Amino acid sequence: MADRYDVIVLGVGGMGSATVAHLAERGVDVLGLERYDIPHSYGSSHGNTRIIRLAYAEHPAYVPLLERAYELWDNLEADHDRQLRYRTGSIDAGPAGDPLVEGSRRSCEEHGLTYEQLSGAELGERYPGYGLPEDYEAIYQPDGGYLVPEQCIIAHVNRAHRAGATIRARERVVDWQPTADGGVRVETDYDRYEADKLVLTAGSWAAQFVDALEGVAVPERQVLAWLQPHEPDLFTPARFPVWNLQVPEGRYYGFPVHDVPGFKFGRYNHREETVDPDAFEREPTQADERLLRTFAEQYFPEGAGPTMRLQTCLFTNTPDDHFVLDTLPDHPQVAVGAGFSGHGFKFASVIGEILADLALEGETDHPTDLFSLDRF
């Protein structure tokens, strides 16, 4: 006889760990299954820091979810022995009239967020680590900052354990099937389990388990760089807000120095390499380094010292870069969180709440129309 649970969560990374914690705290008998370690560096939820920001150029509809995410992160931090969220302020910058700048401003105005508009010259005067063109525009929002993703996962897993969850790492899910009683059966490389409900938070592996995500949740190779600043004092959290920057070379994002040597940054969609998450070049190359260093030398020259670290991770992109948060139309007992497109981790705390709602109730009070699977 297979062990039976109320809910099984497939994947215990950023989104899955939050989901397991929310379910367990509601008194649900939940099993979390993770093929790697907890936490691990094979997916999307690692790398020491992840941006969190309220000004949201991607769509104003994200802001209410962010406000709830902030509440949940602070609640989680109060229950953990390490700081999870650091406030630095956030910058969205680019040429005058660029959609990144205009979208950031729009989200602030629609939701009454405090912000300042600065020129590139004013930004450089206030934060000398920035070397943007003087006529660029920037939206500064004081509540932005960064999360520590590995500690966020640990905190959610610890909370889930305290609430009675069972979590198994180093156990790879091979397949799942619906059962005649309306539940699910999950087969791993160790055992079989059954449950009334299933939540799929498998990151770049999601499409391997859900046919409807084929071509919708597409894995992409991403590379981050940490460069030692020439002037380290300019790149501390107190003097260097997190940032998103649109330039002719693409859209980039970055952080102050935290925990390891070097200021960290990357290019969205790096070299636009769609990959198989089980078979791609995990070791960064000199070509990866050149792409990132050339950018830093142009726009953050005081930060473009010796390379300290390069690291790959995975984006899982949807065609419109918005998330998938939904139940499967043919299998309503299965909820899916996928396609976070390089900007999802900051939402993990509230996405866990949403996926717990979808698993238990089939719906949520959170505004999720933007994330329906049937839009594709």
Protein backbone atom coordinates (compact mmCIF):
# COMPACT_ATOMS: atom_id res chain seq x y z
CA MET A 1 0.00 0.00 0.00
CA ALA A 2 1.33 3.46 -0.93
CA ASP A 3 1.60 6.06 1.83
CA ARG A 4 -1.37 8.46 1.57
CA TYR A 5 -1.22 12.23 2.17
CA ASP A 6 -3.63 15.11 1.83
CA VAL A 7 -1.26 16.96 -0.54
CA ILE A 8 2.02 16.16 -2.24
CA VAL A 9 4.26 19.06 -3.37
CA LEU A 10 6.61 18.19 -6.22
CA GLY A 11 9.73 20.39 -5.92
CA VAL A 12 10.87 22.06 -2.70
CA GLY A 13 12.75 25.11 -3.97
CA GLY A 14 11.64 28.69 -3.48
CA MET A 15 7.98 28.17 -4.41
CA GLY A 16 7.63 24.60 -3.18
CA SER A 17 9.11 25.25 0.26
CA ALA A 18 6.68 28.13 0.78
CA THR A 19 3.77 25.98 -0.38
CA VAL A 20 4.66 23.12 1.96
CA ALA A 21 4.92 25.57 4.86
CA HIS A 22 1.54 27.19 4.16
CA LEU A 23 -0.17 23.83 3.78
CA ALA A 24 1.37 22.38 6.94
CA GLU A 25 0.39 25.43 8.96
CA ARG A 26 -3.22 24.86 7.88
CA GLY A 27 -3.09 21.42 9.44
CA VAL A 28 -2.72 19.58 6.13
CA ASP A 29 -0.84 16.27 6.00
CA VAL A 30 1.67 17.26 3.32
CA LEU A 31 4.64 15.56 1.68
CA GLY A 32 7.31 17.57 -0.13
CA LEU A 33 9.55 15.80 -2.64
CA GLU A 34 12.83 17.30 -3.88
CA ARG A 35 15.24 15.61 -6.30
CA TYR A 36 18.28 17.58 -5.08
CA ASP A 37 19.40 19.00 -1.73
CA ILE A 38 17.50 21.57 0.31
CA PRO A 39 18.53 24.17 -0.68
CA HIS A 40 20.48 23.45 -3.88
CA SER A 41 22.12 25.30 -6.78
CA TYR A 42 20.72 23.39 -9.77
CA GLY A 43 17.59 25.46 -10.39
CA SER A 44 16.51 29.08 -9.96
CA SER A 45 16.47 29.71 -6.19
CA HIS A 46 20.10 30.26 -5.24
CA GLY A 47 22.93 32.76 -5.67
CA ASN A 48 22.99 34.56 -2.28
CA THR A 49 20.62 37.41 -3.19
CA ARG A 50 17.33 37.97 -5.01
CA ILE A 51 15.79 41.39 -5.70
CA ILE A 52 12.53 42.37 -4.03
CA ARG A 53 10.86 45.61 -5.13
CA LEU A 54 7.43 47.22 -4.95
CA ALA A 55 7.83 49.40 -8.04
CA TYR A 56 6.94 46.87 -10.74
CA ALA A 57 7.30 47.76 -14.38
CA GLU A 58 6.21 44.28 -15.50
CA HIS A 59 2.55 45.03 -14.63
CA PRO A 60 0.79 47.03 -11.89
CA ALA A 61 -1.29 43.94 -11.03
CA TYR A 62 1.77 42.48 -9.30
CA VAL A 63 1.89 45.20 -6.64
CA PRO A 64 -0.91 43.85 -4.36
CA LEU A 65 0.80 40.46 -4.41
CA LEU A 66 4.09 42.12 -3.52
CA GLU A 67 2.55 43.96 -0.61
CA ARG A 68 1.30 40.63 0.76
CA ALA A 69 4.67 39.01 0.00
CA TYR A 70 6.44 41.66 2.08
CA GLU A 71 4.13 40.91 5.03
CA LEU A 72 4.77 37.20 4.75
CA TRP A 73 8.55 37.56 4.42
CA ASP A 74 8.64 39.72 7.54
CA ASN A 75 6.52 37.18 9.38
CA LEU A 76 8.84 34.39 8.30
CA GLU A 77 11.94 36.35 9.29
CA ALA A 78 10.54 36.92 12.78
CA ASP A 79 10.45 33.13 13.14
CA HIS A 80 13.99 32.54 11.82
CA ASP A 81 17.47 33.09 13.27
CA ARG A 82 18.87 34.90 10.21
CA GLN A 83 17.84 38.09 8.43
CA LEU A 84 15.92 37.31 5.22
CA ARG A 85 15.13 40.72 3.75
CA TYR A 86 17.49 43.69 3.38
CA ARG A 87 16.24 47.15 2.47
CA THR A 88 18.42 49.18 0.11
CA GLY A 89 15.89 50.97 -2.07
CA SER A 90 15.41 50.01 -5.72
CA ILE A 91 16.27 51.72 -9.00
CA ASP A 92 14.57 51.20 -12.37
CA ALA A 93 16.50 53.15 -14.98
CA GLY A 94 16.97 53.64 -18.70
CA PRO A 95 16.63 56.19 -21.49
CA ALA A 96 13.88 58.77 -21.08
CA GLY A 97 10.52 57.27 -21.93
CA ASP A 98 11.74 53.66 -21.79
CA PRO A 99 9.01 51.12 -20.85
CA LEU A 100 11.01 50.01 -17.80
CA VAL A 101 11.03 53.53 -16.38
CA GLU A 102 7.47 54.37 -17.41
CA GLY A 103 6.11 51.05 -16.15
CA SER A 104 7.84 51.47 -12.81
CA ARG A 105 6.43 54.97 -12.42
CA ARG A 106 2.95 53.78 -13.43
CA SER A 107 2.93 51.02 -10.82
CA CYS A 108 3.95 53.49 -8.12
CA GLU A 109 1.28 56.01 -9.08
CA GLU A 110 -1.54 53.47 -9.44
CA HIS A 111 -0.83 52.02 -6.00
CA GLY A 112 0.23 55.13 -4.12
CA LEU A 113 3.83 54.07 -3.60
CA THR A 114 6.43 56.60 -2.53
CA TYR A 115 9.01 57.22 -5.25
CA GLU A 116 11.45 59.77 -6.66
CA GLN A 117 12.38 60.43 -10.26
CA LEU A 118 16.08 61.10 -10.78
CA SER A 119 18.22 61.84 -13.82
CA GLY A 120 21.28 59.74 -14.47
CA ALA A 121 23.41 62.63 -13.26
CA GLU A 122 21.41 62.97 -10.02
CA LEU A 123 21.55 59.23 -9.46
CA GLY A 124 25.34 59.24 -9.80
CA GLU A 125 25.66 62.13 -7.37
CA ARG A 126 23.59 60.33 -4.75
CA TYR A 127 25.00 56.86 -5.39
CA PRO A 128 28.48 57.20 -6.93
CA GLY A 129 28.73 53.50 -7.75
CA TYR A 130 26.35 54.16 -10.66
CA GLY A 131 27.86 55.50 -13.90
CA LEU A 132 24.79 55.87 -16.11
CA PRO A 133 24.45 58.45 -18.89
CA GLU A 134 23.48 61.80 -17.42
CA ASP A 135 20.26 62.06 -19.45
CA TYR A 136 18.91 58.66 -18.38
CA GLU A 137 15.89 58.57 -16.07
CA ALA A 138 15.57 56.53 -12.89
CA ILE A 139 12.71 55.69 -10.55
CA TYR A 140 13.87 55.27 -6.96
CA GLN A 141 11.53 53.43 -4.58
CA PRO A 142 12.74 53.27 -0.97
CA ASP A 143 11.20 49.91 -0.01
CA GLY A 144 13.19 47.84 -2.51
CA GLY A 145 16.02 45.55 -1.48
CA TYR A 146 16.95 41.92 -1.61
CA LEU A 147 16.16 38.55 -0.10
CA VAL A 148 18.62 35.80 0.83
CA PRO A 149 17.10 32.89 -1.14
CA GLU A 150 18.86 29.95 0.49
CA GLN A 151 17.88 31.19 3.95
CA CYS A 152 14.31 31.84 2.78
CA ILE A 153 14.02 28.21 1.69
CA ILE A 154 15.55 26.97 4.94
CA ALA A 155 13.15 29.14 6.96
CA HIS A 156 10.11 27.81 5.07
CA VAL A 157 11.29 24.22 5.42
CA ASN A 158 11.92 24.67 9.14
CA ARG A 159 8.45 26.17 9.56
CA ALA A 160 6.93 23.29 7.60
CA HIS A 161 8.73 20.73 9.76
CA ARG A 162 7.54 22.39 12.96
CA ALA A 163 3.98 22.18 11.63
CA GLY A 164 4.30 18.46 10.91
CA ALA A 165 5.19 18.29 7.21
CA THR A 166 7.23 15.44 5.76
CA ILE A 167 9.93 16.53 3.31
CA ARG A 168 12.19 14.13 1.42
CA ALA A 169 15.27 15.38 -0.46
CA ARG A 170 17.36 13.40 -2.93
CA GLU A 171 14.23 11.65 -4.14
CA ARG A 172 13.43 12.22 -7.81
CA VAL A 173 9.82 12.09 -9.02
CA VAL A 174 9.56 9.84 -12.07
CA ASP A 175 5.87 10.29 -12.89
CA TRP A 176 2.45 11.07 -11.52
CA GLN A 177 -0.98 9.79 -12.51
CA PRO A 178 -4.56 10.59 -11.51
CA THR A 179 -6.30 7.87 -9.52
CA ALA A 180 -9.84 6.55 -9.86
CA ASP A 181 -10.88 8.23 -6.60
CA GLY A 182 -9.95 11.69 -7.90
CA GLY A 183 -6.57 11.84 -6.22
CA VAL A 184 -3.03 11.30 -7.53
CA ARG A 185 -0.36 8.65 -7.39
CA VAL A 186 3.28 9.83 -7.47
CA GLU A 187 6.14 7.50 -8.32
CA THR A 188 9.71 8.36 -7.34
CA ASP A 189 12.99 6.54 -7.77
CA TYR A 190 12.49 5.28 -4.20
CA ASP A 191 8.80 4.67 -3.61
CA ARG A 192 5.17 5.40 -4.48
CA TYR A 193 2.86 7.83 -2.71
CA GLU A 194 -0.79 8.82 -3.02
CA ALA A 195 -2.59 12.02 -2.14
CA ASP A 196 -5.88 13.82 -2.58
CA LYS A 197 -4.10 16.77 -4.22
CA LEU A 198 -0.84 17.53 -6.01
CA VAL A 199 1.06 20.81 -6.33
CA LEU A 200 3.69 21.03 -9.07
CA THR A 201 6.50 23.50 -8.32
CA ALA A 202 9.20 21.78 -10.34
CA GLY A 203 10.87 24.87 -11.81
CA SER A 204 12.60 24.23 -15.12
CA TRP A 205 11.43 20.61 -15.00
CA ALA A 206 7.72 21.56 -14.86
CA ALA A 207 6.97 20.80 -18.52
CA GLN A 208 8.25 17.26 -18.02
CA PHE A 209 5.25 16.64 -15.76
CA VAL A 210 2.51 18.72 -17.42
CA ASP A 211 1.91 18.43 -21.17
CA ALA A 212 0.11 21.79 -21.21
CA LEU A 213 3.36 23.50 -20.14
CA GLU A 214 5.32 22.24 -23.14
CA GLY A 215 6.44 25.37 -24.99
CA VAL A 216 4.92 27.50 -22.21
CA ALA A 217 7.45 27.01 -19.38
CA VAL A 218 10.75 27.05 -21.26
CA PRO A 219 14.13 26.66 -19.46
CA GLU A 220 16.90 29.14 -20.24
CA ARG A 221 20.54 29.24 -19.16
CA GLN A 222 21.43 32.28 -17.06
CA VAL A 223 24.83 33.43 -15.78
CA LEU A 224 25.61 35.85 -12.92
CA ALA A 225 28.89 37.64 -12.20
CA TRP A 226 30.45 38.91 -8.99
CA LEU A 227 33.19 41.52 -9.61
CA GLN A 228 35.35 43.03 -6.87
CA PRO A 229 34.79 46.82 -6.90
CA HIS A 230 37.70 49.23 -7.30
CA GLU A 231 35.91 51.32 -4.64
CA PRO A 232 34.24 48.75 -2.31
CA ASP A 233 32.65 51.41 -0.08
CA LEU A 234 30.42 52.51 -2.99
CA PHE A 235 28.86 49.05 -3.32
CA THR A 236 27.67 48.38 0.22
CA PRO A 237 23.94 47.91 0.90
CA ALA A 238 23.81 51.37 2.50
CA ARG A 239 25.18 53.10 -0.63
CA PHE A 240 24.06 50.95 -3.55
CA PRO A 241 20.35 50.23 -4.16
CA VAL A 242 19.36 47.13 -6.10
CA TRP A 243 18.63 47.96 -9.72
CA ASN A 244 17.09 47.11 -13.06
CA LEU A 245 18.61 48.91 -16.04
CA GLN A 246 17.58 49.03 -19.68
CA VAL A 247 20.45 49.90 -22.02
CA PRO A 248 21.04 49.31 -25.76
CA GLU A 249 22.83 46.06 -24.83
CA GLY A 250 19.73 44.67 -23.07
CA ARG A 251 18.15 44.69 -19.65
CA TYR A 252 20.43 44.06 -16.68
CA TYR A 253 19.94 43.82 -12.92
CA GLY A 254 22.21 43.91 -9.90
CA PHE A 255 22.92 44.05 -6.18
CA PRO A 256 25.31 45.47 -3.60
CA VAL A 257 28.02 43.28 -2.10
CA HIS A 258 26.51 40.72 0.27
CA ASP A 259 28.03 37.73 2.07
CA VAL A 260 30.58 36.87 -0.64
CA PRO A 261 33.17 39.10 -2.37
CA GLY A 262 32.01 41.14 -5.34
CA PHE A 263 29.01 43.12 -6.51
CA LYS A 264 26.58 40.83 -8.31
CA PHE A 265 24.75 41.44 -11.58
CA GLY A 266 23.38 39.72 -14.66
CA ARG A 267 21.65 40.26 -17.97
CA TYR A 268 18.04 39.15 -18.36
CA ASN A 269 17.94 36.23 -20.80
CA HIS A 270 21.77 36.30 -20.76
CA ARG A 271 22.65 34.81 -24.18
CA GLU A 272 19.10 33.63 -24.96
CA GLU A 273 20.01 29.95 -24.70
CA THR A 274 17.00 27.63 -24.42
CA VAL A 275 18.24 24.46 -22.73
CA ASP A 276 17.41 21.02 -21.39
CA PRO A 277 17.66 21.45 -17.59
CA ASP A 278 19.28 18.02 -17.33
CA ALA A 279 21.90 18.63 -20.03
CA PHE A 280 23.42 22.09 -20.53
CA GLU A 281 26.70 23.94 -19.93
CA ARG A 282 26.64 24.58 -16.19
CA GLU A 283 30.19 25.87 -16.01
CA PRO A 284 30.37 29.57 -16.98
CA THR A 285 32.63 30.38 -19.92
CA GLN A 286 34.93 33.23 -20.90
CA ALA A 287 32.25 34.36 -23.37
CA ASP A 288 29.79 34.65 -20.49
CA GLU A 289 32.30 36.66 -18.51
CA ARG A 290 33.11 39.01 -21.40
CA LEU A 291 29.45 39.82 -21.99
CA LEU A 292 28.95 40.79 -18.35
CA ARG A 293 32.28 42.54 -17.83
CA THR A 294 31.82 44.73 -20.92
CA PHE A 295 28.53 45.95 -19.46
CA ALA A 296 29.99 46.66 -16.02
CA GLU A 297 32.93 48.60 -17.46
CA GLN A 298 30.48 50.85 -19.31
CA TYR A 299 27.83 51.51 -16.65
CA PHE A 300 29.41 50.61 -13.28
CA PRO A 301 33.12 51.32 -13.89
CA GLU A 302 33.99 51.58 -10.18
CA GLY A 303 32.59 48.08 -9.72
CA ALA A 304 34.35 46.41 -12.64
CA GLY A 305 37.38 45.03 -10.84
CA PRO A 306 38.66 41.44 -10.85
CA THR A 307 36.18 38.61 -11.25
CA MET A 308 35.38 36.91 -7.97
CA ARG A 309 32.74 34.44 -9.06
CA LEU A 310 30.58 33.33 -11.98
CA GLN A 311 27.55 31.08 -11.55
CA THR A 312 24.84 29.62 -13.76
CA CYS A 313 21.20 29.29 -12.86
CA LEU A 314 17.98 28.67 -14.79
CA PHE A 315 15.16 30.93 -15.86
CA THR A 316 11.89 29.28 -16.85
CA ASN A 317 10.20 31.68 -19.24
CA THR A 318 6.63 31.92 -20.47
CA PRO A 319 5.82 33.59 -23.82
CA ASP A 320 4.57 36.74 -22.06
CA ASP A 321 6.98 36.54 -19.07
CA HIS A 322 4.07 36.31 -16.62
CA PHE A 323 3.65 33.40 -14.21
CA VAL A 324 1.44 30.32 -14.39
CA LEU A 325 -0.63 29.86 -11.22
CA ASP A 326 -3.61 27.64 -11.88
CA THR A 327 -5.19 24.22 -11.60
CA LEU A 328 -5.14 21.85 -14.56
CA PRO A 329 -8.44 21.90 -16.47
CA ASP A 330 -8.50 18.11 -16.93
CA HIS A 331 -7.20 17.40 -13.45
CA PRO A 332 -8.51 20.01 -10.98
CA GLN A 333 -6.82 18.15 -8.12
CA VAL A 334 -3.48 19.36 -9.52
CA ALA A 335 -2.26 22.95 -8.96
CA VAL A 336 0.70 24.35 -10.88
CA GLY A 337 3.16 27.13 -10.16
CA ALA A 338 5.55 27.60 -13.09
CA GLY A 339 7.15 29.96 -15.59
CA PHE A 340 8.48 32.58 -13.19
CA SER A 341 10.58 34.11 -15.98
CA GLY A 342 13.47 35.38 -13.89
CA HIS A 343 11.42 37.65 -11.63
CA GLY A 344 9.49 35.27 -9.41
CA PHE A 345 11.48 34.59 -6.25
CA LYS A 346 10.41 37.78 -4.49
CA PHE A 347 6.82 36.47 -4.66
CA ALA A 348 7.57 33.02 -3.23
CA SER A 349 6.03 33.70 0.16
CA VAL A 350 2.67 34.73 -1.32
CA ILE A 351 2.83 32.18 -4.13
CA GLY A 352 3.01 29.51 -1.44
CA GLU A 353 -0.19 30.94 0.00
CA ILE A 354 -1.86 31.02 -3.44
CA LEU A 355 -0.89 27.45 -4.31
CA ALA A 356 -2.12 26.24 -0.93
CA ASP A 357 -5.46 27.95 -1.69
CA LEU A 358 -5.65 26.36 -5.16
CA ALA A 359 -4.79 22.92 -3.81
CA LEU A 360 -7.34 23.00 -1.02
CA GLU A 361 -10.13 25.17 -2.46
CA GLY A 362 -9.53 25.22 -6.21
CA GLU A 363 -9.46 29.03 -6.10
CA THR A 364 -7.86 31.94 -4.27
CA ASP A 365 -8.87 35.43 -3.19
CA HIS A 366 -5.57 36.80 -4.48
CA PRO A 367 -5.69 38.55 -7.90
CA THR A 368 -4.37 35.84 -10.25
CA ASP A 369 -6.29 36.33 -13.50
CA LEU A 370 -3.05 37.41 -15.16
CA PHE A 371 -1.56 33.97 -14.46
CA SER A 372 -4.17 31.59 -15.85
CA LEU A 373 -2.92 28.67 -17.89
CA ASP A 374 -5.64 28.99 -20.52
CA ARG A 375 -4.26 32.33 -21.76
CA PHE A 376 -1.90 30.27 -23.88
